Amino acid sequence: MVKVYALSTCPWCKKVKKLLDDKQVQYDAVDVDLAQGEEQKKALAEVEELTGRRAFPVTVINEKVIQGFKQEEIEGALEDEA
């Protein structure tokens, strides 16, 4: 299971999504800035719980939490999942 918490305007968030798309990985993405009301509050709370702060992107691959665009770390986690 892969989930990405992102902001629609964030260039690093777009890089994470492009990397996953290029590798044909299925993932759930939440653009937190586009979410509204309770959905946005819930997403922000999940990001804070995972990382201790509000910073994007956050990629969750199984139980591994990767903050920022760290291509090698993301690729390594994907290989561990396979």
C-alpha atoms as a PDB file:
ATOM      1  CA  MET A   1       0.000   0.000   0.000  1.00  0.00           C
ATOM      2  CA  VAL A   2       1.418   3.360  -1.067  1.00  0.00           C
ATOM      3  CA  LYS A   3      -0.021   6.699   0.015  1.00  0.00           C
ATOM      4  CA  VAL A   4       1.219  10.190  -0.791  1.00  0.00           C
ATOM      5  CA  TYR A   5       0.323  13.307   1.164  1.00  0.00           C
ATOM      6  CA  ALA A   6       1.025  16.306  -1.042  1.00  0.00           C
ATOM      7  CA  LEU A   7       0.246  19.910  -1.865  1.00  0.00           C
ATOM      8  CA  SER A   8      -1.011  20.624  -5.372  1.00  0.00           C
ATOM      9  CA  THR A   9       1.487  23.487  -5.826  1.00  0.00           C
ATOM     10  CA  CYS A  10       4.563  21.696  -4.415  1.00  0.00           C
ATOM     11  CA  PRO A  11       7.239  20.821  -7.018  1.00  0.00           C
ATOM     12  CA  TRP A  12       8.723  18.060  -4.799  1.00  0.00           C
ATOM     13  CA  CYS A  13       5.268  16.532  -4.386  1.00  0.00           C
ATOM     14  CA  LYS A  14       4.899  16.441  -8.172  1.00  0.00           C
ATOM     15  CA  LYS A  15       8.286  14.691  -8.438  1.00  0.00           C
ATOM     16  CA  VAL A  16       7.157  11.956  -6.025  1.00  0.00           C
ATOM     17  CA  LYS A  17       3.947  11.386  -8.006  1.00  0.00           C
ATOM     18  CA  LYS A  18       5.863  11.354 -11.322  1.00  0.00           C
ATOM     19  CA  LEU A  19       8.370   8.830  -9.929  1.00  0.00           C
ATOM     20  CA  LEU A  20       5.533   6.539  -8.824  1.00  0.00           C
ATOM     21  CA  ASP A  21       3.724   7.021 -12.149  1.00  0.00           C
ATOM     22  CA  ASP A  22       6.915   6.268 -14.122  1.00  0.00           C
ATOM     23  CA  LYS A  23       7.347   3.056 -12.120  1.00  0.00           C
ATOM     24  CA  GLN A  24       3.654   2.219 -12.672  1.00  0.00           C
ATOM     25  CA  VAL A  25       3.018   2.045  -8.932  1.00  0.00           C
ATOM     26  CA  GLN A  26      -0.590   2.308  -7.804  1.00  0.00           C
ATOM     27  CA  TYR A  27      -0.960   4.788  -4.960  1.00  0.00           C
ATOM     28  CA  ASP A  28      -3.497   6.910  -3.138  1.00  0.00           C
ATOM     29  CA  ALA A  29      -2.705  10.626  -3.200  1.00  0.00           C
ATOM     30  CA  VAL A  30      -4.179  13.336  -1.012  1.00  0.00           C
ATOM     31  CA  ASP A  31      -3.626  16.923  -2.110  1.00  0.00           C
ATOM     32  CA  VAL A  32      -4.080  18.363   1.353  1.00  0.00           C
ATOM     33  CA  ASP A  33      -4.451  21.964   0.150  1.00  0.00           C
ATOM     34  CA  LEU A  34      -7.344  20.944  -2.126  1.00  0.00           C
ATOM     35  CA  ALA A  35      -9.138  18.885   0.544  1.00  0.00           C
ATOM     36  CA  GLN A  36     -11.854  20.672   2.468  1.00  0.00           C
ATOM     37  CA  GLY A  37     -13.266  20.696   5.959  1.00  0.00           C
ATOM     38  CA  GLU A  38     -12.961  17.465   7.909  1.00  0.00           C
ATOM     39  CA  GLU A  39     -11.073  15.693   5.111  1.00  0.00           C
ATOM     40  CA  GLN A  40      -8.340  18.347   5.245  1.00  0.00           C
ATOM     41  CA  LYS A  41      -8.191  18.279   9.070  1.00  0.00           C
ATOM     42  CA  LYS A  42      -7.898  14.488   9.006  1.00  0.00           C
ATOM     43  CA  ALA A  43      -5.090  14.555   6.395  1.00  0.00           C
ATOM     44  CA  LEU A  44      -3.138  17.216   8.328  1.00  0.00           C
ATOM     45  CA  ALA A  45      -3.539  15.215  11.545  1.00  0.00           C
ATOM     46  CA  GLU A  46      -2.253  12.070   9.774  1.00  0.00           C
ATOM     47  CA  VAL A  47       0.788  13.947   8.421  1.00  0.00           C
ATOM     48  CA  GLU A  48       1.582  15.376  11.865  1.00  0.00           C
ATOM     49  CA  GLU A  49       1.190  11.938  13.447  1.00  0.00           C
ATOM     50  CA  LEU A  50       3.520  10.360  10.855  1.00  0.00           C
ATOM     51  CA  THR A  51       6.223  13.053  10.858  1.00  0.00           C
ATOM     52  CA  GLY A  52       5.717  15.283  13.880  1.00  0.00           C
ATOM     53  CA  ARG A  53       5.169  18.326  11.664  1.00  0.00           C
ATOM     54  CA  ARG A  54       3.352  19.672   8.621  1.00  0.00           C
ATOM     55  CA  ALA A  55       5.816  19.231   5.778  1.00  0.00           C
ATOM     56  CA  PHE A  56       5.240  17.785   2.330  1.00  0.00           C
ATOM     57  CA  PRO A  57       5.495  15.482   0.500  1.00  0.00           C
ATOM     58  CA  VAL A  58       5.058  12.498   2.790  1.00  0.00           C
ATOM     59  CA  THR A  59       5.131   9.068   1.148  1.00  0.00           C
ATOM     60  CA  VAL A  60       4.021   5.998   3.083  1.00  0.00           C
ATOM     61  CA  ILE A  61       5.037   2.630   1.641  1.00  0.00           C
ATOM     62  CA  ASN A  62       3.706  -0.152   3.851  1.00  0.00           C
ATOM     63  CA  GLU A  63       4.907   1.043   7.277  1.00  0.00           C
ATOM     64  CA  LYS A  64       7.834   3.125   5.991  1.00  0.00           C
ATOM     65  CA  VAL A  65       7.376   6.905   6.138  1.00  0.00           C
ATOM     66  CA  ILE A  66       9.511   9.000   3.769  1.00  0.00           C
ATOM     67  CA  GLN A  67       9.411  12.761   4.115  1.00  0.00           C
ATOM     68  CA  GLY A  68      10.473  14.841   1.125  1.00  0.00           C
ATOM     69  CA  PHE A  69      11.548  13.676  -2.322  1.00  0.00           C
ATOM     70  CA  LYS A  70      14.152  11.010  -1.616  1.00  0.00           C
ATOM     71  CA  GLN A  71      14.237   9.002  -4.824  1.00  0.00           C
ATOM     72  CA  GLU A  72      16.621   6.257  -3.656  1.00  0.00           C
ATOM     73  CA  GLU A  73      14.738   5.779  -0.393  1.00  0.00           C
ATOM     74  CA  ILE A  74      11.395   5.592  -2.213  1.00  0.00           C
ATOM     75  CA  GLU A  75      12.761   3.130  -4.780  1.00  0.00           C
ATOM     76  CA  GLY A  76      14.291   0.991  -2.024  1.00  0.00           C
ATOM     77  CA  ALA A  77      11.019   0.873  -0.112  1.00  0.00           C
ATOM     78  CA  LEU A  78       9.170  -0.092  -3.291  1.00  0.00           C
ATOM     79  CA  GLU A  79      11.617  -2.949  -3.888  1.00  0.00           C
ATOM     80  CA  ASP A  80      11.118  -4.148  -0.315  1.00  0.00           C
ATOM     81  CA  GLU A  81       7.375  -4.176  -0.924  1.00  0.00           C
ATOM     82  CA  ALA A  82       7.581  -6.244  -4.117  1.00  0.00           C
END
